[in-house]
Amino acid sequence: MAWTPSSHPISVSSKQRHRSKPTKLQIHMLSRKRYDEDVRKGMELLNLKLYLENRSIIEENDKLRKKDSLLHQENLALMSELQSKFPQLDRFATTLLLLLQKH
């Protein structure tokens, strides 16, 4: 077997050592990449949290709209009932009568 500089144990280990040691730039780039991934994951988590909160608000809003609609229909029915019982009263007087009955 012929001797070559690349087959010498010292030169091989120094090349391997040199190749495996990351530079400051490589370390910085890896750190930056990890930081960017952490920020992205954090933003995705925050986005999901805000999305779920938004969905909850929308659902609550829908429930309140339905309740409002039912109360409005009930109010119209009561107004109609009062106007049929007291045809001489105008709309303002009927509304006032309704408010006084509630208190």
PDB file of N, CA and C in Angstrom:
ATOM      1  N   MET A   1       0.832  -1.169   0.000  1.00  0.00           N
ATOM      2  CA  MET A   1       0.000   0.000   0.000  1.00  0.00           C
ATOM      3  C   MET A   1       0.887   1.246   0.000  1.00  0.00           C
ATOM      4  N   ALA A   2       0.631   2.148  -0.919  1.00  0.00           N
ATOM      5  CA  ALA A   2       1.449   3.340  -1.052  1.00  0.00           C
ATOM      6  C   ALA A   2       0.956   4.424  -0.102  1.00  0.00           C
ATOM      7  N   TRP A   3       1.940   5.182   0.361  1.00  0.00           N
ATOM      8  CA  TRP A   3       1.609   6.255   1.295  1.00  0.00           C
ATOM      9  C   TRP A   3       1.197   7.495   0.522  1.00  0.00           C
ATOM     10  N   THR A   4       0.034   8.082   0.908  1.00  0.00           N
ATOM     11  CA  THR A   4      -0.418   9.348   0.318  1.00  0.00           C
ATOM     12  C   THR A   4      -0.782  10.285   1.463  1.00  0.00           C
ATOM     13  N   PRO A   5      -0.732  11.579   1.241  1.00  0.00           N
ATOM     14  CA  PRO A   5      -1.064  12.510   2.329  1.00  0.00           C
ATOM     15  C   PRO A   5      -2.494  12.313   2.845  1.00  0.00           C
ATOM     16  N   SER A   6      -3.400  11.917   2.007  1.00  0.00           N
ATOM     17  CA  SER A   6      -4.785  11.763   2.466  1.00  0.00           C
ATOM     18  C   SER A   6      -4.969  10.504   3.294  1.00  0.00           C
ATOM     19  N   SER A   7      -4.045   9.522   3.177  1.00  0.00           N
ATOM     20  CA  SER A   7      -4.184   8.299   3.964  1.00  0.00           C
ATOM     21  C   SER A   7      -3.518   8.416   5.320  1.00  0.00           C
ATOM     22  N   HIS A   8      -2.812   9.498   5.568  1.00  0.00           N
ATOM     23  CA  HIS A   8      -2.142   9.690   6.848  1.00  0.00           C
ATOM     24  C   HIS A   8      -3.191   9.973   7.927  1.00  0.00           C
ATOM     25  N   PRO A   9      -3.154   9.308   9.082  1.00  0.00           N
ATOM     26  CA  PRO A   9      -4.188   9.459  10.119  1.00  0.00           C
ATOM     27  C   PRO A   9      -4.352  10.879  10.631  1.00  0.00           C
ATOM     28  N   ILE A  10      -3.294  11.605  10.753  1.00  0.00           N
ATOM     29  CA  ILE A  10      -3.385  12.966  11.274  1.00  0.00           C
ATOM     30  C   ILE A  10      -4.103  13.874  10.287  1.00  0.00           C
ATOM     31  N   SER A  11      -3.749  13.773   8.998  1.00  0.00           N
ATOM     32  CA  SER A  11      -4.366  14.645   8.003  1.00  0.00           C
ATOM     33  C   SER A  11      -5.848  14.304   7.819  1.00  0.00           C
ATOM     34  N   VAL A  12      -6.234  13.037   7.934  1.00  0.00           N
ATOM     35  CA  VAL A  12      -7.638  12.638   7.787  1.00  0.00           C
ATOM     36  C   VAL A  12      -8.447  13.202   8.948  1.00  0.00           C
ATOM     37  N   SER A  13      -7.930  13.039  10.164  1.00  0.00           N
ATOM     38  CA  SER A  13      -8.687  13.507  11.321  1.00  0.00           C
ATOM     39  C   SER A  13      -8.782  15.027  11.329  1.00  0.00           C
ATOM     40  N   SER A  14      -7.751  15.725  10.871  1.00  0.00           N
ATOM     41  CA  SER A  14      -7.821  17.182  10.858  1.00  0.00           C
ATOM     42  C   SER A  14      -8.830  17.659   9.818  1.00  0.00           C
ATOM     43  N   LYS A  15      -8.929  16.945   8.694  1.00  0.00           N
ATOM     44  CA  LYS A  15      -9.933  17.309   7.693  1.00  0.00           C
ATOM     45  C   LYS A  15     -11.340  17.058   8.237  1.00  0.00           C
ATOM     46  N   GLN A  16     -11.522  15.926   8.907  1.00  0.00           N
ATOM     47  CA  GLN A  16     -12.839  15.609   9.460  1.00  0.00           C
ATOM     48  C   GLN A  16     -13.205  16.624  10.544  1.00  0.00           C
ATOM     49  N   ARG A  17     -12.226  16.949  11.357  1.00  0.00           N
ATOM     50  CA  ARG A  17     -12.476  17.913  12.414  1.00  0.00           C
ATOM     51  C   ARG A  17     -12.837  19.263  11.812  1.00  0.00           C
ATOM     52  N   HIS A  18     -12.158  19.658  10.791  1.00  0.00           N
ATOM     53  CA  HIS A  18     -12.415  20.941  10.144  1.00  0.00           C
ATOM     54  C   HIS A  18     -13.804  20.955   9.506  1.00  0.00           C
ATOM     55  N   ARG A  19     -14.205  19.865   8.878  1.00  0.00           N
ATOM     56  CA  ARG A  19     -15.501  19.810   8.206  1.00  0.00           C
ATOM     57  C   ARG A  19     -16.662  19.786   9.198  1.00  0.00           C
ATOM     58  N   SER A  20     -16.462  19.126  10.331  1.00  0.00           N
ATOM     59  CA  SER A  20     -17.565  18.954  11.257  1.00  0.00           C
ATOM     60  C   SER A  20     -17.769  20.159  12.169  1.00  0.00           C
ATOM     61  N   LYS A  21     -16.802  21.024  12.286  1.00  0.00           N
ATOM     62  CA  LYS A  21     -16.940  22.184  13.163  1.00  0.00           C
ATOM     63  C   LYS A  21     -17.680  23.296  12.419  1.00  0.00           C
ATOM     64  N   PRO A  22     -18.891  23.641  12.915  1.00  0.00           N
ATOM     65  CA  PRO A  22     -19.648  24.678  12.208  1.00  0.00           C
ATOM     66  C   PRO A  22     -19.045  26.065  12.456  1.00  0.00           C
ATOM     67  N   THR A  23     -19.193  26.894  11.474  1.00  0.00           N
ATOM     68  CA  THR A  23     -18.693  28.258  11.603  1.00  0.00           C
ATOM     69  C   THR A  23     -19.701  29.090  12.390  1.00  0.00           C
ATOM     70  N   LYS A  24     -19.262  30.271  12.804  1.00  0.00           N
ATOM     71  CA  LYS A  24     -20.161  31.170  13.543  1.00  0.00           C
ATOM     72  C   LYS A  24     -21.371  31.543  12.681  1.00  0.00           C
ATOM     73  N   LEU A  25     -21.142  31.694  11.391  1.00  0.00           N
ATOM     74  CA  LEU A  25     -22.237  32.026  10.478  1.00  0.00           C
ATOM     75  C   LEU A  25     -23.248  30.894  10.411  1.00  0.00           C
ATOM     76  N   GLN A  26     -22.736  29.648  10.326  1.00  0.00           N
ATOM     77  CA  GLN A  26     -23.638  28.498  10.283  1.00  0.00           C
ATOM     78  C   GLN A  26     -24.434  28.391  11.581  1.00  0.00           C
ATOM     79  N   ILE A  27     -23.789  28.618  12.707  1.00  0.00           N
ATOM     80  CA  ILE A  27     -24.476  28.579  14.002  1.00  0.00           C
ATOM     81  C   ILE A  27     -25.535  29.673  14.049  1.00  0.00           C
ATOM     82  N   HIS A  28     -25.170  30.869  13.595  1.00  0.00           N
ATOM     83  CA  HIS A  28     -26.116  31.979  13.567  1.00  0.00           C
ATOM     84  C   HIS A  28     -27.306  31.652  12.664  1.00  0.00           C
ATOM     85  N   MET A  29     -27.029  31.076  11.506  1.00  0.00           N
ATOM     86  CA  MET A  29     -28.113  30.737  10.570  1.00  0.00           C
ATOM     87  C   MET A  29     -29.025  29.672  11.172  1.00  0.00           C
ATOM     88  N   LEU A  30     -28.460  28.674  11.854  1.00  0.00           N
ATOM     89  CA  LEU A  30     -29.272  27.642  12.505  1.00  0.00           C
ATOM     90  C   LEU A  30     -30.100  28.243  13.631  1.00  0.00           C
ATOM     91  N   SER A  31     -29.475  29.119  14.409  1.00  0.00           N
ATOM     92  CA  SER A  31     -30.197  29.782  15.499  1.00  0.00           C
ATOM     93  C   SER A  31     -31.334  30.619  14.939  1.00  0.00           C
ATOM     94  N   ARG A  32     -31.050  31.349  13.873  1.00  0.00           N
ATOM     95  CA  ARG A  32     -32.066  32.192  13.237  1.00  0.00           C
ATOM     96  C   ARG A  32     -33.201  31.333  12.689  1.00  0.00           C
ATOM     97  N   LYS A  33     -32.852  30.186  12.087  1.00  0.00           N
ATOM     98  CA  LYS A  33     -33.866  29.287  11.534  1.00  0.00           C
ATOM     99  C   LYS A  33     -34.754  28.754  12.652  1.00  0.00           C
ATOM    100  N   ARG A  34     -34.155  28.335  13.759  1.00  0.00           N
ATOM    101  CA  ARG A  34     -34.949  27.846  14.902  1.00  0.00           C
ATOM    102  C   ARG A  34     -35.831  28.957  15.452  1.00  0.00           C
ATOM    103  N   TYR A  35     -35.270  30.161  15.556  1.00  0.00           N
ATOM    104  CA  TYR A  35     -36.035  31.306  16.041  1.00  0.00           C
ATOM    105  C   TYR A  35     -37.223  31.580  15.111  1.00  0.00           C
ATOM    106  N   ASP A  36     -36.971  31.581  13.815  1.00  0.00           N
ATOM    107  CA  ASP A  36     -38.038  31.812  12.843  1.00  0.00           C
ATOM    108  C   ASP A  36     -39.125  30.742  12.936  1.00  0.00           C
ATOM    109  N   GLU A  37     -38.713  29.479  13.128  1.00  0.00           N
ATOM    110  CA  GLU A  37     -39.685  28.389  13.278  1.00  0.00           C
ATOM    111  C   GLU A  37     -40.506  28.573  14.551  1.00  0.00           C
ATOM    112  N   ASP A  38     -39.839  28.985  15.637  1.00  0.00           N
ATOM    113  CA  ASP A  38     -40.557  29.228  16.898  1.00  0.00           C
ATOM    114  C   ASP A  38     -41.552  30.374  16.744  1.00  0.00           C
ATOM    115  N   VAL A  39     -41.132  31.434  16.070  1.00  0.00           N
ATOM    116  CA  VAL A  39     -42.023  32.576  15.844  1.00  0.00           C
ATOM    117  C   VAL A  39     -43.205  32.146  14.982  1.00  0.00           C
ATOM    118  N   ARG A  40     -42.944  31.374  13.939  1.00  0.00           N
ATOM    119  CA  ARG A  40     -44.014  30.907  13.056  1.00  0.00           C
ATOM    120  C   ARG A  40     -45.005  30.035  13.828  1.00  0.00           C
ATOM    121  N   LYS A  41     -44.489  29.116  14.636  1.00  0.00           N
ATOM    122  CA  LYS A  41     -45.362  28.243  15.433  1.00  0.00           C
ATOM    123  C   LYS A  41     -46.168  29.071  16.435  1.00  0.00           C
ATOM    124  N   GLY A  42     -45.515  30.056  17.033  1.00  0.00           N
ATOM    125  CA  GLY A  42     -46.208  30.937  17.972  1.00  0.00           C
ATOM    126  C   GLY A  42     -47.319  31.720  17.290  1.00  0.00           C
ATOM    127  N   MET A  43     -47.041  32.209  16.088  1.00  0.00           N
ATOM    128  CA  MET A  43     -48.052  32.952  15.329  1.00  0.00           C
ATOM    129  C   MET A  43     -49.204  32.040  14.914  1.00  0.00           C
ATOM    130  N   GLU A  44     -48.887  30.809  14.527  1.00  0.00           N
ATOM    131  CA  GLU A  44     -49.937  29.858  14.158  1.00  0.00           C
ATOM    132  C   GLU A  44     -50.822  29.542  15.357  1.00  0.00           C
ATOM    133  N   LEU A  45     -50.207  29.390  16.529  1.00  0.00           N
ATOM    134  CA  LEU A  45     -50.961  29.114  17.747  1.00  0.00           C
ATOM    135  C   LEU A  45     -51.852  30.306  18.111  1.00  0.00           C
ATOM    136  N   LEU A  46     -51.293  31.504  18.023  1.00  0.00           N
ATOM    137  CA  LEU A  46     -52.072  32.712  18.303  1.00  0.00           C
ATOM    138  C   LEU A  46     -53.206  32.862  17.303  1.00  0.00           C
ATOM    139  N   ASN A  47     -52.936  32.579  16.039  1.00  0.00           N
ATOM    140  CA  ASN A  47     -53.947  32.665  14.992  1.00  0.00           C
ATOM    141  C   ASN A  47     -55.079  31.685  15.261  1.00  0.00           C
ATOM    142  N   LEU A  48     -54.738  30.467  15.664  1.00  0.00           N
ATOM    143  CA  LEU A  48     -55.747  29.467  15.982  1.00  0.00           C
ATOM    144  C   LEU A  48     -56.585  29.911  17.179  1.00  0.00           C
ATOM    145  N   LYS A  49     -55.931  30.431  18.194  1.00  0.00           N
ATOM    146  CA  LYS A  49     -56.631  30.912  19.388  1.00  0.00           C
ATOM    147  C   LYS A  49     -57.605  32.037  19.021  1.00  0.00           C
ATOM    148  N   LEU A  50     -57.146  32.986  18.224  1.00  0.00           N
ATOM    149  CA  LEU A  50     -58.008  34.095  17.803  1.00  0.00           C
ATOM    150  C   LEU A  50     -59.149  33.607  16.915  1.00  0.00           C
ATOM    151  N   TYR A  51     -58.886  32.641  16.059  1.00  0.00           N
ATOM    152  CA  TYR A  51     -59.923  32.072  15.198  1.00  0.00           C
ATOM    153  C   TYR A  51     -61.015  31.431  16.049  1.00  0.00           C
ATOM    154  N   LEU A  52     -60.609  30.633  17.050  1.00  0.00           N
ATOM    155  CA  LEU A  52     -61.590  29.967  17.907  1.00  0.00           C
ATOM    156  C   LEU A  52     -62.384  30.986  18.730  1.00  0.00           C
ATOM    157  N   GLU A  53     -61.711  32.013  19.199  1.00  0.00           N
ATOM    158  CA  GLU A  53     -62.399  33.069  19.949  1.00  0.00           C
ATOM    159  C   GLU A  53     -63.399  33.798  19.043  1.00  0.00           C
ATOM    160  N   ASN A  54     -62.999  34.050  17.818  1.00  0.00           N
ATOM    161  CA  ASN A  54     -63.869  34.711  16.849  1.00  0.00           C
ATOM    162  C   ASN A  54     -65.100  33.857  16.546  1.00  0.00           C
ATOM    163  N   ARG A  55     -64.889  32.548  16.364  1.00  0.00           N
ATOM    164  CA  ARG A  55     -66.018  31.637  16.114  1.00  0.00           C
ATOM    165  C   ARG A  55     -66.987  31.653  17.292  1.00  0.00           C
ATOM    166  N   SER A  56     -66.448  31.674  18.497  1.00  0.00           N
ATOM    167  CA  SER A  56     -67.277  31.704  19.702  1.00  0.00           C
ATOM    168  C   SER A  56     -68.103  32.987  19.748  1.00  0.00           C
ATOM    169  N   ILE A  57     -67.496  34.102  19.420  1.00  0.00           N
ATOM    170  CA  ILE A  57     -68.205  35.391  19.397  1.00  0.00           C
ATOM    171  C   ILE A  57     -69.295  35.375  18.335  1.00  0.00           C
ATOM    172  N   ILE A  58     -68.999  34.820  17.169  1.00  0.00           N
ATOM    173  CA  ILE A  58     -69.991  34.739  16.091  1.00  0.00           C
ATOM    174  C   ILE A  58     -71.182  33.882  16.522  1.00  0.00           C
ATOM    175  N   GLU A  59     -70.904  32.750  17.175  1.00  0.00           N
ATOM    176  CA  GLU A  59     -71.992  31.886  17.646  1.00  0.00           C
ATOM    177  C   GLU A  59     -72.850  32.607  18.686  1.00  0.00           C
ATOM    178  N   GLU A  60     -72.201  33.301  19.614  1.00  0.00           N
ATOM    179  CA  GLU A  60     -72.939  34.056  20.631  1.00  0.00           C
ATOM    180  C   GLU A  60     -73.769  35.158  19.989  1.00  0.00           C
ATOM    181  N   ASN A  61     -73.213  35.804  18.983  1.00  0.00           N
ATOM    182  CA  ASN A  61     -73.924  36.853  18.249  1.00  0.00           C
ATOM    183  C   ASN A  61     -75.170  36.277  17.567  1.00  0.00           C
ATOM    184  N   ASP A  62     -75.035  35.105  16.962  1.00  0.00           N
ATOM    185  CA  ASP A  62     -76.184  34.451  16.317  1.00  0.00           C
ATOM    186  C   ASP A  62     -77.280  34.132  17.333  1.00  0.00           C
ATOM    187  N   LYS A  63     -76.878  33.635  18.508  1.00  0.00           N
ATOM    188  CA  LYS A  63     -77.858  33.331  19.564  1.00  0.00           C
ATOM    189  C   LYS A  63     -78.587  34.602  19.995  1.00  0.00           C
ATOM    190  N   LEU A  64     -77.831  35.690  20.149  1.00  0.00           N
ATOM    191  CA  LEU A  64     -78.438  36.962  20.558  1.00  0.00           C
ATOM    192  C   LEU A  64     -79.368  37.510  19.475  1.00  0.00           C
ATOM    193  N   ARG A  65     -79.014  37.338  18.219  1.00  0.00           N
ATOM    194  CA  ARG A  65     -79.897  37.780  17.126  1.00  0.00           C
ATOM    195  C   ARG A  65     -81.221  37.013  17.156  1.00  0.00           C
ATOM    196  N   LYS A  66     -81.148  35.698  17.384  1.00  0.00           N
ATOM    197  CA  LYS A  66     -82.370  34.890  17.457  1.00  0.00           C
ATOM    198  C   LYS A  66     -83.226  35.314  18.639  1.00  0.00           C
ATOM    199  N   LYS A  67     -82.579  35.545  19.777  1.00  0.00           N
ATOM    200  CA  LYS A  67     -83.308  35.994  20.960  1.00  0.00           C
ATOM    201  C   LYS A  67     -83.952  37.349  20.702  1.00  0.00           C
ATOM    202  N   ASP A  68     -83.219  38.247  20.063  1.00  0.00           N
ATOM    203  CA  ASP A  68     -83.754  39.571  19.714  1.00  0.00           C
ATOM    204  C   ASP A  68     -84.972  39.436  18.808  1.00  0.00           C
ATOM    205  N   SER A  69     -84.883  38.560  17.838  1.00  0.00           N
ATOM    206  CA  SER A  69     -86.004  38.359  16.910  1.00  0.00           C
ATOM    207  C   SER A  69     -87.240  37.841  17.646  1.00  0.00           C
ATOM    208  N   LEU A  70     -87.040  36.876  18.554  1.00  0.00           N
ATOM    209  CA  LEU A  70     -88.171  36.349  19.322  1.00  0.00           C
ATOM    210  C   LEU A  70     -88.784  37.426  20.221  1.00  0.00           C
ATOM    211  N   LEU A  71     -87.940  38.224  20.865  1.00  0.00           N
ATOM    212  CA  LEU A  71     -88.448  39.300  21.725  1.00  0.00           C
ATOM    213  C   LEU A  71     -89.195  40.357  20.915  1.00  0.00           C
ATOM    214  N   HIS A  72     -88.697  40.645  19.724  1.00  0.00           N
ATOM    215  CA  HIS A  72     -89.369  41.619  18.853  1.00  0.00           C
ATOM    216  C   HIS A  72     -90.753  41.094  18.447  1.00  0.00           C
ATOM    217  N   GLN A  73     -90.814  39.821  18.076  1.00  0.00           N
ATOM    218  CA  GLN A  73     -92.106  39.223  17.712  1.00  0.00           C
ATOM    219  C   GLN A  73     -93.068  39.235  18.900  1.00  0.00           C
ATOM    220  N   GLU A  74     -92.561  38.933  20.074  1.00  0.00           N
ATOM    221  CA  GLU A  74     -93.395  38.960  21.286  1.00  0.00           C
ATOM    222  C   GLU A  74     -93.895  40.372  21.562  1.00  0.00           C
ATOM    223  N   ASN A  75     -93.008  41.337  21.377  1.00  0.00           N
ATOM    224  CA  ASN A  75     -93.386  42.742  21.574  1.00  0.00           C
ATOM    225  C   ASN A  75     -94.489  43.148  20.598  1.00  0.00           C
ATOM    226  N   LEU A  76     -94.343  42.758  19.343  1.00  0.00           N
ATOM    227  CA  LEU A  76     -95.377  43.084  18.346  1.00  0.00           C
ATOM    228  C   LEU A  76     -96.706  42.434  18.707  1.00  0.00           C
ATOM    229  N   ALA A  77     -96.660  41.199  19.177  1.00  0.00           N
ATOM    230  CA  ALA A  77     -97.891  40.494  19.563  1.00  0.00           C
ATOM    231  C   ALA A  77     -98.557  41.187  20.749  1.00  0.00           C
ATOM    232  N   LEU A  78     -97.775  41.598  21.725  1.00  0.00           N
ATOM    233  CA  LEU A  78     -98.340  42.314  22.879  1.00  0.00           C
ATOM    234  C   LEU A  78     -98.930  43.663  22.479  1.00  0.00           C
ATOM    235  N   MET A  79     -98.241  44.360  21.618  1.00  0.00           N
ATOM    236  CA  MET A  79     -98.754  45.654  21.125  1.00  0.00           C
ATOM    237  C   MET A  79    -100.074  45.448  20.401  1.00  0.00           C
ATOM    238  N   SER A  80    -100.139  44.448  19.571  1.00  0.00           N
ATOM    239  CA  SER A  80    -101.362  44.149  18.836  1.00  0.00           C
ATOM    240  C   SER A  80    -102.497  43.802  19.789  1.00  0.00           C
ATOM    241  N   GLU A  81    -102.174  43.005  20.807  1.00  0.00           N
ATOM    242  CA  GLU A  81    -103.180  42.612  21.801  1.00  0.00           C
ATOM    243  C   GLU A  81    -103.703  43.834  22.564  1.00  0.00           C
ATOM    244  N   LEU A  82    -102.781  44.711  22.969  1.00  0.00           N
ATOM    245  CA  LEU A  82    -103.192  45.920  23.679  1.00  0.00           C
ATOM    246  C   LEU A  82    -104.037  46.836  22.797  1.00  0.00           C
ATOM    247  N   GLN A  83    -103.649  46.975  21.542  1.00  0.00           N
ATOM    248  CA  GLN A  83    -104.405  47.840  20.632  1.00  0.00           C
ATOM    249  C   GLN A  83    -105.801  47.275  20.365  1.00  0.00           C
ATOM    250  N   SER A  84    -105.906  45.956  20.364  1.00  0.00           N
ATOM    251  CA  SER A  84    -107.238  45.372  20.164  1.00  0.00           C
ATOM    252  C   SER A  84    -108.101  45.533  21.417  1.00  0.00           C
ATOM    253  N   LYS A  85    -107.491  45.533  22.610  1.00  0.00           N
ATOM    254  CA  LYS A  85    -108.237  45.731  23.855  1.00  0.00           C
ATOM    255  C   LYS A  85    -108.576  47.199  24.085  1.00  0.00           C
ATOM    256  N   PHE A  86    -107.696  48.073  23.664  1.00  0.00           N
ATOM    257  CA  PHE A  86    -107.899  49.521  23.841  1.00  0.00           C
ATOM    258  C   PHE A  86    -107.731  50.223  22.491  1.00  0.00           C
ATOM    259  N   PRO A  87    -108.735  50.114  21.637  1.00  0.00           N
ATOM    260  CA  PRO A  87    -108.599  50.695  20.292  1.00  0.00           C
ATOM    261  C   PRO A  87    -108.489  52.222  20.302  1.00  0.00           C
ATOM    262  N   GLN A  88    -108.932  52.848  21.378  1.00  0.00           N
ATOM    263  CA  GLN A  88    -108.881  54.308  21.429  1.00  0.00           C
ATOM    264  C   GLN A  88    -107.474  54.842  21.666  1.00  0.00           C
ATOM    265  N   LEU A  89    -106.560  53.998  22.150  1.00  0.00           N
ATOM    266  CA  LEU A  89    -105.191  54.440  22.421  1.00  0.00           C
ATOM    267  C   LEU A  89    -104.365  54.443  21.139  1.00  0.00           C
ATOM    268  N   ASP A  90    -103.514  55.446  21.028  1.00  0.00           N
ATOM    269  CA  ASP A  90    -102.591  55.450  19.892  1.00  0.00           C
ATOM    270  C   ASP A  90    -101.353  54.615  20.233  1.00  0.00           C
ATOM    271  N   ARG A  91    -100.442  54.524  19.308  1.00  0.00           N
ATOM    272  CA  ARG A  91     -99.251  53.672  19.479  1.00  0.00           C
ATOM    273  C   ARG A  91     -98.394  54.146  20.658  1.00  0.00           C
ATOM    274  N   PHE A  92     -98.242  55.437  20.818  1.00  0.00           N
ATOM    275  CA  PHE A  92     -97.438  55.978  21.914  1.00  0.00           C
ATOM    276  C   PHE A  92     -98.039  55.598  23.264  1.00  0.00           C
ATOM    277  N   ALA A  93     -99.339  55.749  23.399  1.00  0.00           N
ATOM    278  CA  ALA A  93    -100.005  55.415  24.655  1.00  0.00           C
ATOM    279  C   ALA A  93     -99.911  53.911  24.934  1.00  0.00           C
ATOM    280  N   THR A  94    -100.021  53.115  23.906  1.00  0.00           N
ATOM    281  CA  THR A  94     -99.914  51.658  24.074  1.00  0.00           C
ATOM    282  C   THR A  94     -98.518  51.279  24.555  1.00  0.00           C
ATOM    283  N   THR A  95     -97.501  51.900  23.976  1.00  0.00           N
ATOM    284  CA  THR A  95     -96.119  51.644  24.383  1.00  0.00           C
ATOM    285  C   THR A  95     -95.914  52.071  25.830  1.00  0.00           C
ATOM    286  N   LEU A  96     -96.454  53.230  26.194  1.00  0.00           N
ATOM    287  CA  LEU A  96     -96.350  53.715  27.554  1.00  0.00           C
ATOM    288  C   LEU A  96     -97.046  52.766  28.528  1.00  0.00           C
ATOM    289  N   LEU A  97     -98.220  52.279  28.156  1.00  0.00           N
ATOM    290  CA  LEU A  97     -98.948  51.317  28.979  1.00  0.00           C
ATOM    291  C   LEU A  97     -98.139  50.038  29.178  1.00  0.00           C
ATOM    292  N   LEU A  98     -97.501  49.556  28.119  1.00  0.00           N
ATOM    293  CA  LEU A  98     -96.661  48.350  28.209  1.00  0.00           C
ATOM    294  C   LEU A  98     -95.507  48.578  29.194  1.00  0.00           C
ATOM    295  N   LEU A  99     -94.876  49.733  29.089  1.00  0.00           N
ATOM    296  CA  LEU A  99     -93.739  50.017  29.959  1.00  0.00           C
ATOM    297  C   LEU A  99     -94.178  50.108  31.416  1.00  0.00           C
ATOM    298  N   LEU A 100     -95.316  50.706  31.652  1.00  0.00           N
ATOM    299  CA  LEU A 100     -95.817  50.833  33.029  1.00  0.00           C
ATOM    300  C   LEU A 100     -96.196  49.462  33.607  1.00  0.00           C
ATOM    301  N   GLN A 101     -96.693  48.557  32.793  1.00  0.00           N
ATOM    302  CA  GLN A 101     -97.076  47.239  33.274  1.00  0.00           C
ATOM    303  C   GLN A 101     -95.849  46.405  33.662  1.00  0.00           C
ATOM    304  N   LYS A 102     -94.737  46.657  33.026  1.00  0.00           N
ATOM    305  CA  LYS A 102     -93.514  45.888  33.329  1.00  0.00           C
ATOM    306  C   LYS A 102     -92.936  46.284  34.680  1.00  0.00           C
ATOM    307  N   HIS A 103     -93.171  47.524  35.131  1.00  0.00           N
ATOM    308  CA  HIS A 103     -92.594  47.989  36.395  1.00  0.00           C
ATOM    309  C   HIS A 103     -93.598  47.903  37.445  1.00  0.00           C
TER     310      HIS A 103
END
